[in-house]
Protein backbone atom coordinates (compact mmCIF):
# COMPACT_ATOMS: atom_id res chain seq x y z
CA MET A 1 -17.47 -5.25 -17.75
CA PHE A 2 -15.05 -3.55 -20.15
CA GLY A 3 -12.26 -4.76 -22.53
CA ILE A 4 -8.63 -3.80 -23.25
CA SER A 5 -8.12 -2.54 -26.74
CA PRO A 6 -5.14 -4.20 -28.47
CA SER A 7 -2.22 -1.96 -29.18
CA ALA A 8 1.36 -2.31 -30.35
CA ARG A 9 2.33 -0.50 -27.16
CA LEU A 10 0.68 -3.30 -25.08
CA ARG A 11 2.42 -6.66 -25.49
CA PRO A 12 1.06 -10.12 -24.73
CA SER A 13 3.52 -12.43 -23.02
CA PRO A 14 4.73 -15.69 -24.46
CA PHE A 15 2.38 -17.42 -22.15
CA PHE A 16 -0.62 -15.44 -23.19
CA GLU A 17 -2.47 -18.16 -25.18
CA ALA A 18 -1.75 -20.67 -22.46
CA THR A 19 -3.34 -18.32 -19.72
CA ARG A 20 -6.36 -17.89 -22.05
CA ALA A 21 -6.64 -21.82 -22.21
CA GLU A 22 -6.52 -21.91 -18.43
CA GLY A 23 -9.49 -19.51 -18.22
CA VAL A 24 -7.93 -16.21 -17.33
CA THR A 25 -10.55 -13.57 -16.39
CA ALA A 26 -8.63 -10.48 -15.56
CA PHE A 27 -5.40 -8.71 -16.62
CA THR A 28 -3.46 -5.63 -15.37
CA THR A 29 -0.84 -3.76 -17.31
CA TYR A 30 2.87 -3.87 -16.14
CA ASN A 31 5.90 -2.89 -18.08
CA HIS A 32 3.72 -2.28 -21.13
CA MET A 33 2.55 -5.97 -21.04
CA LEU A 34 -0.48 -7.84 -19.93
CA MET A 35 -0.35 -9.70 -16.63
CA PRO A 36 -2.97 -12.16 -15.43
CA THR A 37 -4.57 -11.20 -12.18
CA SER A 38 -7.28 -13.72 -11.75
CA TYR A 39 -8.72 -16.95 -13.09
CA GLY A 40 -12.20 -16.28 -11.61
CA HIS A 41 -11.72 -17.96 -8.15
CA PRO A 42 -9.63 -15.65 -5.96
CA GLU A 43 -10.04 -17.46 -2.79
CA ALA A 44 -9.36 -20.86 -4.21
CA GLU A 45 -6.33 -19.42 -5.91
CA TYR A 46 -5.13 -18.04 -2.67
CA TRP A 47 -5.44 -21.38 -0.80
CA ARG A 48 -3.74 -23.17 -3.73
CA LEU A 49 -0.72 -20.91 -3.22
CA LEU A 50 -0.81 -21.46 0.51
CA ASN A 51 -1.31 -25.24 0.50
CA GLY A 52 -0.22 -26.56 -2.79
CA VAL A 53 1.49 -25.22 -5.99
CA SER A 54 0.53 -22.35 -8.30
CA GLN A 55 1.70 -21.59 -11.84
CA TRP A 56 2.06 -17.91 -12.76
CA ASP A 57 2.68 -15.97 -16.01
CA VAL A 58 5.08 -13.21 -14.77
CA ALA A 59 6.67 -12.50 -18.18
CA VAL A 60 5.97 -8.79 -17.29
CA GLU A 61 9.11 -9.02 -14.96
CA ARG A 62 11.25 -7.86 -17.95
CA GLN A 63 14.99 -8.09 -17.92
CA VAL A 64 17.39 -5.20 -18.52
CA GLN A 65 20.49 -6.71 -19.88
CA LEU A 66 23.89 -5.08 -19.22
CA LEU A 67 26.43 -6.69 -21.65
CA GLY A 68 30.15 -5.66 -22.25
CA PRO A 69 33.48 -5.01 -20.60
CA ASP A 70 31.91 -2.38 -18.30
CA ALA A 71 28.62 -4.25 -17.43
CA GLY A 72 29.78 -4.86 -13.82
CA ARG A 73 30.73 -1.26 -13.33
CA LEU A 74 27.43 -0.12 -14.74
CA ALA A 75 25.47 -2.55 -12.49
CA GLN A 76 27.19 -1.03 -9.49
CA ILE A 77 26.67 2.52 -10.48
CA LEU A 78 22.93 1.78 -10.80
CA CYS A 79 22.66 -0.21 -7.46
CA ALA A 80 23.01 1.16 -3.94
CA ARG A 81 24.04 -2.30 -2.65
CA ASP A 82 27.53 -3.59 -2.76
CA LEU A 83 27.93 -5.96 -5.72
CA SER A 84 31.71 -6.75 -5.35
CA LYS A 85 31.10 -10.28 -3.92
CA CYS A 86 28.23 -11.24 -6.26
CA LYS A 87 29.11 -14.47 -8.13
CA VAL A 88 28.08 -15.83 -11.48
CA GLY A 89 24.87 -17.62 -10.88
CA GLN A 90 23.79 -15.39 -7.90
CA GLY A 91 20.98 -12.98 -7.74
CA LYS A 92 20.55 -10.14 -5.30
CA TYR A 93 17.67 -7.87 -4.26
CA VAL A 94 18.77 -4.30 -5.02
CA PRO A 95 17.38 -0.79 -4.60
CA LEU A 96 17.74 1.50 -7.67
CA CYS A 97 17.49 5.17 -6.79
CA ASN A 98 17.64 8.50 -8.53
CA HIS A 99 20.06 11.25 -7.71
CA ALA A 100 17.82 12.46 -4.84
CA GLY A 101 17.80 9.01 -3.26
CA SER A 102 14.24 8.19 -4.22
CA LEU A 103 13.46 4.60 -5.15
CA ILE A 104 12.88 4.09 -8.85
CA ASN A 105 12.81 0.33 -8.90
CA ASP A 106 13.68 -2.71 -6.72
CA PRO A 107 14.71 -5.56 -9.07
CA ILE A 108 16.52 -8.76 -8.56
CA LEU A 109 20.04 -8.30 -10.16
CA LEU A 110 21.22 -11.66 -11.66
CA LYS A 111 24.89 -12.20 -12.62
CA LEU A 112 24.99 -14.45 -15.73
CA ALA A 113 28.85 -13.81 -16.37
CA GLU A 114 31.49 -11.33 -15.55
CA ASP A 115 30.44 -9.18 -18.53
CA ARG A 116 26.59 -9.92 -18.44
CA TYR A 117 23.98 -8.96 -15.92
CA TRP A 118 20.19 -8.79 -15.81
CA LEU A 119 17.97 -6.51 -13.67
CA SER A 120 14.62 -8.27 -13.34
CA ILE A 121 12.56 -5.16 -12.85
CA ALA A 122 9.38 -3.99 -11.32
CA ASP A 123 7.12 -1.67 -13.33
CA SER A 124 9.23 1.20 -14.57
CA ASN A 125 11.39 1.98 -17.61
CA ILE A 126 14.81 1.14 -16.25
CA TRP A 127 16.04 0.21 -19.69
CA PHE A 128 15.94 3.99 -20.62
CA TRP A 129 17.59 4.87 -17.37
CA ALA A 130 20.40 2.50 -17.51
CA GLY A 131 21.09 3.33 -21.12
CA ALA A 132 21.26 6.99 -20.28
CA ILE A 133 23.56 6.55 -17.26
CA ALA A 134 25.80 4.33 -19.36
CA ALA A 135 26.03 6.97 -22.06
CA GLU A 136 26.77 9.84 -19.81
CA ARG A 137 29.51 7.98 -18.08
CA GLY A 138 31.17 6.85 -21.31
CA LEU A 139 30.86 3.13 -20.39
CA ASP A 140 31.55 0.25 -22.83
CA VAL A 141 28.33 -1.51 -22.32
CA GLU A 142 25.20 -2.48 -24.32
CA VAL A 143 21.86 -2.02 -22.62
CA SER A 144 19.09 -4.08 -24.02
CA GLU A 145 16.05 -6.21 -23.22
CA PRO A 146 16.72 -9.87 -23.89
CA ASP A 147 14.34 -12.58 -24.91
CA ALA A 148 13.74 -13.64 -21.26
CA SER A 149 10.26 -14.18 -19.80
CA PRO A 150 9.82 -15.59 -16.26
CA MET A 151 7.13 -18.07 -15.27
CA ALA A 152 6.72 -18.58 -11.56
CA VAL A 153 6.00 -21.94 -9.79
CA GLN A 154 5.05 -21.03 -6.15
CA GLY A 155 3.82 -22.66 -3.07
CA PRO A 156 4.95 -25.47 -0.58
CA LYS A 157 4.88 -28.14 -3.36
CA ALA A 158 6.75 -26.19 -5.92
CA GLU A 159 10.05 -27.82 -5.27
CA GLU A 160 8.57 -31.26 -5.96
CA VAL A 161 7.14 -29.99 -9.34
CA VAL A 162 10.32 -28.27 -10.47
CA ALA A 163 12.57 -31.24 -9.35
CA ALA A 164 10.32 -33.60 -11.23
CA LEU A 165 10.79 -31.39 -14.33
CA PHE A 166 14.54 -30.66 -14.14
CA GLY A 167 16.06 -33.08 -11.69
CA ASP A 168 16.93 -33.05 -7.97
CA TRP A 169 19.75 -30.53 -8.62
CA VAL A 170 17.11 -27.73 -8.20
CA ARG A 171 16.88 -28.73 -4.55
CA GLY A 172 20.34 -27.45 -3.86
CA LEU A 173 19.74 -23.92 -5.29
CA LYS A 174 20.09 -21.18 -2.63
CA TYR A 175 17.57 -18.49 -2.53
CA PHE A 176 17.97 -16.00 -5.51
CA TRP A 177 20.60 -18.28 -7.09
CA PHE A 178 20.03 -19.74 -10.60
CA ARG A 179 21.24 -22.02 -13.30
CA GLU A 180 20.82 -22.02 -17.01
CA THR A 181 19.61 -25.24 -18.58
CA ALA A 182 17.11 -26.64 -21.11
CA ILE A 183 13.99 -28.78 -21.13
CA GLU A 184 12.98 -30.57 -24.35
CA GLY A 185 15.06 -28.12 -26.41
CA ILE A 186 13.66 -25.03 -24.67
CA PRO A 187 16.51 -22.90 -23.11
CA VAL A 188 15.64 -21.60 -19.62
CA ALA A 189 17.22 -20.33 -16.50
CA VAL A 190 15.89 -21.78 -13.24
CA ALA A 191 16.00 -19.59 -10.13
CA ARG A 192 14.90 -20.12 -6.53
CA SER A 193 12.79 -16.88 -6.28
CA GLY A 194 9.29 -15.54 -6.62
CA TRP A 195 7.00 -12.84 -5.25
CA SER A 196 5.54 -14.90 -2.38
CA LYS A 197 6.59 -16.00 0.94
CA GLN A 198 5.34 -19.64 0.26
CA GLY A 199 8.58 -20.70 -1.51
CA GLY A 200 9.19 -21.63 -5.09
CA PHE A 201 11.05 -21.02 -8.40
CA GLU A 202 10.98 -18.79 -11.41
CA ILE A 203 11.65 -20.42 -14.74
CA TYR A 204 13.02 -17.76 -17.20
CA LEU A 205 11.96 -18.77 -20.70
CA LEU A 206 14.76 -17.76 -23.20
CA ASP A 207 12.90 -18.47 -26.38
CA GLY A 208 9.69 -16.59 -26.49
CA SER A 209 8.37 -18.73 -29.34
CA GLN A 210 7.90 -21.65 -26.97
CA GLY A 211 5.86 -20.24 -24.22
CA THR A 212 2.79 -22.45 -24.59
CA LYS A 213 5.10 -25.58 -24.83
CA LEU A 214 6.92 -24.63 -21.64
CA TRP A 215 3.64 -23.77 -19.83
CA ASN A 216 2.15 -27.24 -20.74
CA LEU A 217 5.34 -29.04 -19.65
CA VAL A 218 5.26 -27.39 -16.18
CA LYS A 219 1.51 -28.07 -15.91
CA GLU A 220 1.97 -31.79 -16.76
CA ALA A 221 4.84 -32.12 -14.40
CA GLY A 222 2.63 -30.55 -11.63
CA ARG A 223 -0.33 -32.72 -12.20
CA PRO A 224 0.48 -35.23 -9.28
CA TRP A 225 0.57 -32.23 -6.97
CA ASP A 226 -2.65 -30.76 -8.36
CA ILE A 227 -0.99 -27.63 -9.81
CA GLY A 228 -3.30 -24.90 -11.08
CA PRO A 229 -3.10 -21.35 -12.46
CA GLY A 230 -2.53 -18.24 -10.36
CA ASN A 231 -0.88 -14.93 -10.24
CA PRO A 232 1.10 -12.83 -7.73
CA ASN A 233 -1.47 -13.11 -5.03
CA PHE A 234 -2.43 -9.61 -3.65
CA CYS A 235 -3.73 -11.03 -0.37
CA GLU A 236 -0.73 -13.31 0.30
CA ARG A 237 1.79 -10.59 -0.52
CA VAL A 238 0.13 -8.02 1.77
CA GLU A 239 -0.05 -10.61 4.57
CA SER A 240 3.62 -11.40 4.02
CA GLY A 241 4.69 -7.81 4.00
CA LEU A 242 6.07 -7.83 0.36
CA LEU A 243 6.67 -4.39 -1.07
CA SER A 244 5.17 -3.43 -4.47
CA TYR A 245 7.32 -0.72 -6.09
CA GLY A 246 4.94 1.99 -7.48
CA GLY A 247 1.98 0.72 -5.55
CA ASP A 248 3.38 1.21 -2.05
CA THR A 249 5.85 4.04 -3.00
CA ASP A 250 5.49 7.52 -4.42
CA ALA A 251 8.09 9.71 -6.20
CA GLN A 252 9.66 10.82 -2.96
CA THR A 253 10.00 7.41 -1.23
CA ASN A 254 13.49 6.29 -0.30
CA PRO A 255 14.60 2.73 0.53
CA PHE A 256 14.83 3.44 4.34
CA GLU A 257 11.18 4.38 4.47
CA VAL A 258 10.00 0.99 3.02
CA ARG A 259 12.17 -1.48 4.98
CA MET A 260 14.90 -1.70 2.35
CA GLY A 261 17.65 -0.20 4.48
CA ALA A 262 19.31 -3.60 4.89
CA TYR A 263 20.02 -3.59 1.13
CA VAL A 264 21.71 -0.06 1.00
CA ASP A 265 25.40 -0.15 1.49
CA LEU A 266 26.48 3.42 2.38
CA ALA A 267 30.13 2.67 1.60
CA VAL A 268 29.61 1.91 -2.02
CA PRO A 269 31.63 4.32 -4.32
CA ASP A 270 30.62 7.91 -4.67
CA ASP A 271 29.73 7.39 -8.42
CA VAL A 272 26.75 5.24 -7.36
CA VAL A 273 23.69 7.08 -8.37
CA GLY A 274 21.90 8.44 -5.35
CA ILE A 275 24.40 7.24 -2.72
CA LYS A 276 25.31 10.74 -1.51
CA ALA A 277 21.63 11.65 -0.96
CA LEU A 278 21.11 8.27 0.74
CA ARG A 279 23.98 8.87 3.07
CA ARG A 280 22.37 12.26 4.08
CA ILE A 281 18.93 10.69 4.49
CA HIS A 282 20.45 8.07 6.65
CA ALA A 283 22.22 10.52 8.82
CA GLU A 284 19.19 12.77 9.28
CA GLY A 285 16.79 9.85 9.62
CA PRO A 286 13.86 9.18 7.28
CA LYS A 287 10.75 11.22 7.82
CA ARG A 288 8.31 8.32 7.09
CA HIS A 289 8.20 4.51 7.64
CA GLN A 290 6.07 1.68 6.55
CA LEU A 291 3.83 -0.14 9.01
CA GLY A 292 0.85 -2.29 8.62
CA VAL A 293 -2.84 -1.19 9.43
CA ILE A 294 -5.67 -3.34 10.60
CA LEU A 295 -9.11 -1.91 10.05
CA GLU A 296 -12.07 -2.55 12.23
CA GLY A 297 -15.19 -4.19 10.74
CA GLU A 298 -16.11 -7.59 9.30
CA THR A 299 -16.99 -6.46 5.73
CA PRO A 300 -14.30 -7.02 3.07
CA THR A 301 -13.10 -3.95 1.37
CA GLU A 302 -10.47 -3.11 -1.28
CA LEU A 303 -8.07 -0.22 -1.95
CA GLY A 304 -9.40 1.00 -5.22
CA PHE A 305 -7.31 3.05 -7.54
CA LEU A 306 -6.03 5.61 -5.04
CA TRP A 307 -4.14 5.72 -1.64
CA HIS A 308 -6.31 6.66 1.24
CA GLU A 309 -5.51 9.37 3.92
CA ILE A 310 -4.56 8.15 7.37
CA ARG A 311 -5.40 10.60 10.16
CA GLN A 312 -4.86 10.95 13.87
CA GLY A 313 -7.35 13.49 15.17
CA ASN A 314 -7.40 16.40 12.69
CA ARG A 315 -3.89 15.75 11.56
CA LYS A 316 -2.97 13.73 8.41
CA VAL A 317 -0.09 11.34 9.37
CA GLY A 318 0.25 9.31 6.06
CA ASP A 319 -1.55 7.11 3.56
CA MET A 320 -2.82 3.58 3.39
CA THR A 321 -1.15 2.32 0.24
CA ASN A 322 -2.91 -1.10 -0.26
CA CYS A 323 -5.84 -2.80 1.45
CA VAL A 324 -7.20 -6.44 1.18
CA TRP A 325 -9.38 -8.78 3.09
CA SER A 326 -7.19 -11.39 4.81
CA TYR A 327 -8.46 -14.84 4.43
CA ARG A 328 -6.33 -15.96 7.41
CA LEU A 329 -6.82 -13.04 9.80
CA LYS A 330 -10.43 -12.25 8.72
CA LYS A 331 -9.66 -8.63 8.73
CA ASN A 332 -9.20 -5.77 6.29
CA ILE A 333 -5.32 -5.18 6.33
CA GLY A 334 -2.97 -2.86 4.45
CA PHE A 335 0.23 -1.00 4.48
CA ALA A 336 0.63 2.44 6.01
CA LEU A 337 3.31 4.92 4.90
CA VAL A 338 3.20 7.24 7.96
CA GLY A 339 5.43 9.60 9.81
CA THR A 340 7.97 8.09 12.10
CA ASP A 341 6.29 9.52 15.14
CA CYS A 342 3.50 6.88 14.44
CA GLN A 343 4.16 3.57 16.01
CA PRO A 344 2.75 0.07 16.09
CA GLY A 345 -0.30 0.00 18.53
CA ASP A 346 -1.48 3.62 17.57
CA ALA A 347 -5.07 4.11 16.78
CA VAL A 348 -5.74 5.81 13.46
CA GLU A 349 -8.49 6.80 11.09
CA VAL A 350 -8.54 5.91 7.42
CA VAL A 351 -10.59 8.16 5.26
CA LYS A 352 -11.87 5.89 2.41
CA ASP A 353 -14.67 6.41 -0.11
CA GLY A 354 -16.14 9.19 2.01
CA GLN A 355 -16.13 6.97 5.09
CA VAL A 356 -14.02 7.18 8.29
CA LEU A 357 -12.71 3.72 9.22
CA GLN A 358 -11.10 2.94 12.54
CA GLY A 359 -7.82 1.11 12.47
CA THR A 360 -4.69 0.26 14.53
CA LEU A 361 -1.12 0.35 13.26
CA THR A 362 1.04 -2.76 13.52
CA ALA A 363 4.37 -4.08 12.56
CA LEU A 364 5.01 -5.90 9.36
CA PRO A 365 4.67 -8.69 8.19
CA PHE A 366 1.14 -9.38 9.41
CA ILE A 367 1.87 -13.20 9.23
């Protein structure tokens, strides 16, 4: 066992003390913050998400706020997806790319007002990127990080919990849509979203001083449905084929390689960052694509800290970017970022920890 040394560079979330009270046993770092990754019972936490309702501290999903007359223009310049029809109260999954067309984040964009947008980001410093682009384009927009910290309520019973807390209006929220409201004086935004395929909501706390109070309100509302603590579940997200930016991507990965082509609109204006490169990549065809890989053997294994080489014969064809024991499939499964000449059904070898493991490529999602 080892600890994490406190540092001003590493922030706790507003829900930190609440998660400690719940018995959190492990954290990872994400956007310079601590994110709970286990409460000591990984399989029970998995089945709670699959069959019931799970409460997550995901305050690490920081918001990059674009505010001002040119906020909408900056949002479009940053996003390779057409935002012209995005309405106030609507969210959209968007690829953010650099000038070479490589993916640098895959946030949910939320439109709070005509002059105010949030990018709910994965793990990279988009605040700096957005500010630099705004400055070089001479835009009238302020880029900042607002006091907004999401908590996720996920699972098939999540809607019952959130409706009990806020009212039946939440049942009418469409996916990625949201509404600002308050609960016992705590300002929040409630969105139908979350990093699982089991359904649920994210409650954006808009006053970081009230994290423990909000956590306990959700916990109490969820008692009739046996709510319990959890986290973005590694096994469920791999089974469901959910992309992890930075985990399943490298510095050269473009959206077409990782099943994000449907979120790229090639007809957006020429001043969108990376769009010219994306048009070229689309015309030429991507060199890699993302598949699943099922490993032979009945002993659970994990990825570790590194990607693992995938081979066919004596030739490297790509990498396994994640690996987990699937509780439903009873197999070790992972994502494969491989050349486009590799197809589902192909036999491959994965070189992991000095061993050569036999595997088979498959389409995503697994389940």
